[in-house]
Amino acid sequence: MSRAADVRDLIADQFGTRAFTYVTRFDGPELGADSLDLVELVVRLENAFGVAISDDEASECQTVGDAIALVDRKLHAGNRA
């Protein structure tokens, strides 16, 4: 399975739905995330992929595609937790 699929699966598990695309906003109607949901998602991404995500990076992560790109960048750069 691809890394993008792994991130999508983690998001689907977190929000209990697969009704989203790369451009789906976390705070939009499909996912309806609040700030606590986003903190929990960041922690899950950090744990699942062994990366460290700063508060600034997390705040810039607005869509599913942003989350996938962030994990890819962190792993490519070797920014492991």
C-alpha atoms as a PDB file:
ATOM      1  CA  MET A   1       0.000   0.000   0.000  1.00  0.00           C
ATOM      2  CA  SER A   2       1.230   3.528  -0.726  1.00  0.00           C
ATOM      3  CA  ARG A   3       2.021   6.112   1.905  1.00  0.00           C
ATOM      4  CA  ALA A   4      -0.867   8.253   0.605  1.00  0.00           C
ATOM      5  CA  ALA A   5      -3.225   5.308   1.109  1.00  0.00           C
ATOM      6  CA  ASP A   6      -1.871   4.806   4.626  1.00  0.00           C
ATOM      7  CA  VAL A   7      -2.535   8.471   5.470  1.00  0.00           C
ATOM      8  CA  ARG A   8      -6.030   8.280   3.926  1.00  0.00           C
ATOM      9  CA  ASP A   9      -6.765   5.123   5.958  1.00  0.00           C
ATOM     10  CA  LEU A  10      -5.626   6.838   9.154  1.00  0.00           C
ATOM     11  CA  ILE A  11      -7.866   9.833   8.392  1.00  0.00           C
ATOM     12  CA  ALA A  12     -10.801   7.551   7.553  1.00  0.00           C
ATOM     13  CA  ASP A  13     -10.324   5.748  10.862  1.00  0.00           C
ATOM     14  CA  GLN A  14     -10.036   9.032  12.784  1.00  0.00           C
ATOM     15  CA  PHE A  15     -13.201  10.528  11.303  1.00  0.00           C
ATOM     16  CA  GLY A  16     -15.215   7.370  10.646  1.00  0.00           C
ATOM     17  CA  THR A  17     -15.753   8.054   6.954  1.00  0.00           C
ATOM     18  CA  ARG A  18     -14.118   7.543   3.579  1.00  0.00           C
ATOM     19  CA  ALA A  19     -16.197  10.308   1.963  1.00  0.00           C
ATOM     20  CA  PHE A  20     -13.307  12.630   1.206  1.00  0.00           C
ATOM     21  CA  THR A  21     -10.805  13.524  -1.515  1.00  0.00           C
ATOM     22  CA  TYR A  22      -7.387  15.179  -1.546  1.00  0.00           C
ATOM     23  CA  VAL A  23      -8.999  18.626  -1.518  1.00  0.00           C
ATOM     24  CA  THR A  24     -11.434  17.891   1.313  1.00  0.00           C
ATOM     25  CA  ARG A  25     -10.950  20.413   4.103  1.00  0.00           C
ATOM     26  CA  PHE A  26     -10.712  19.018   7.633  1.00  0.00           C
ATOM     27  CA  ASP A  27     -13.148  21.661   8.875  1.00  0.00           C
ATOM     28  CA  GLY A  28     -15.556  21.131   5.966  1.00  0.00           C
ATOM     29  CA  PRO A  29     -18.851  19.239   5.983  1.00  0.00           C
ATOM     30  CA  GLU A  30     -17.324  15.871   5.025  1.00  0.00           C
ATOM     31  CA  LEU A  31     -15.076  15.609   8.084  1.00  0.00           C
ATOM     32  CA  GLY A  32     -16.282  18.393  10.381  1.00  0.00           C
ATOM     33  CA  ALA A  33     -13.087  18.438  12.425  1.00  0.00           C
ATOM     34  CA  ASP A  34     -12.658  20.751  15.376  1.00  0.00           C
ATOM     35  CA  SER A  35      -9.326  21.792  16.883  1.00  0.00           C
ATOM     36  CA  LEU A  36      -9.172  18.766  19.195  1.00  0.00           C
ATOM     37  CA  ASP A  37      -9.769  16.417  16.247  1.00  0.00           C
ATOM     38  CA  LEU A  38      -6.861  18.026  14.425  1.00  0.00           C
ATOM     39  CA  VAL A  39      -4.535  17.713  17.425  1.00  0.00           C
ATOM     40  CA  GLU A  40      -5.462  14.033  17.698  1.00  0.00           C
ATOM     41  CA  LEU A  41      -4.844  13.560  13.969  1.00  0.00           C
ATOM     42  CA  VAL A  42      -1.398  15.157  14.192  1.00  0.00           C
ATOM     43  CA  VAL A  43      -0.465  12.885  17.094  1.00  0.00           C
ATOM     44  CA  ARG A  44      -1.681   9.846  15.144  1.00  0.00           C
ATOM     45  CA  LEU A  45       0.331  10.898  12.082  1.00  0.00           C
ATOM     46  CA  GLU A  46       3.435  11.433  14.214  1.00  0.00           C
ATOM     47  CA  ASN A  47       3.066   8.029  15.844  1.00  0.00           C
ATOM     48  CA  ALA A  48       2.174   6.137  12.680  1.00  0.00           C
ATOM     49  CA  PHE A  49       4.990   7.550  10.559  1.00  0.00           C
ATOM     50  CA  GLY A  50       7.604   8.364  13.201  1.00  0.00           C
ATOM     51  CA  VAL A  51       7.794  12.050  12.303  1.00  0.00           C
ATOM     52  CA  ALA A  52       7.700  15.251  14.327  1.00  0.00           C
ATOM     53  CA  ILE A  53       5.130  17.837  13.215  1.00  0.00           C
ATOM     54  CA  SER A  54       5.424  21.352  14.607  1.00  0.00           C
ATOM     55  CA  ASP A  55       2.412  23.459  15.570  1.00  0.00           C
ATOM     56  CA  ASP A  56       3.099  25.763  12.609  1.00  0.00           C
ATOM     57  CA  GLU A  57       3.172  22.828  10.191  1.00  0.00           C
ATOM     58  CA  ALA A  58      -0.012  21.414  11.686  1.00  0.00           C
ATOM     59  CA  SER A  59      -1.815  24.752  11.362  1.00  0.00           C
ATOM     60  CA  GLU A  60      -0.945  24.905   7.649  1.00  0.00           C
ATOM     61  CA  CYS A  61      -2.456  21.461   7.099  1.00  0.00           C
ATOM     62  CA  GLN A  62      -5.967  22.309   5.887  1.00  0.00           C
ATOM     63  CA  THR A  63      -6.827  19.442   3.524  1.00  0.00           C
ATOM     64  CA  VAL A  64      -6.333  15.697   3.217  1.00  0.00           C
ATOM     65  CA  GLY A  65      -3.807  16.388   0.438  1.00  0.00           C
ATOM     66  CA  ASP A  66      -1.910  18.756   2.752  1.00  0.00           C
ATOM     67  CA  ALA A  67      -1.620  15.978   5.345  1.00  0.00           C
ATOM     68  CA  ILE A  68      -0.318  13.507   2.771  1.00  0.00           C
ATOM     69  CA  ALA A  69       2.185  16.043   1.398  1.00  0.00           C
ATOM     70  CA  LEU A  70       3.368  16.950   4.910  1.00  0.00           C
ATOM     71  CA  VAL A  71       4.059  13.325   5.840  1.00  0.00           C
ATOM     72  CA  ASP A  72       5.851  12.791   2.516  1.00  0.00           C
ATOM     73  CA  ARG A  73       8.029  15.890   3.053  1.00  0.00           C
ATOM     74  CA  LYS A  74       8.902  14.891   6.595  1.00  0.00           C
ATOM     75  CA  LEU A  75       9.855  11.354   5.618  1.00  0.00           C
ATOM     76  CA  HIS A  76      11.781  12.484   2.550  1.00  0.00           C
ATOM     77  CA  ALA A  77      13.740  15.017   4.623  1.00  0.00           C
ATOM     78  CA  GLY A  78      14.449  12.436   7.300  1.00  0.00           C
ATOM     79  CA  ASN A  79      12.649  14.446   9.987  1.00  0.00           C
ATOM     80  CA  ARG A  80      11.912  11.507  12.199  1.00  0.00           C
ATOM     81  CA  ALA A  81      10.651  11.960  15.740  1.00  0.00           C
END
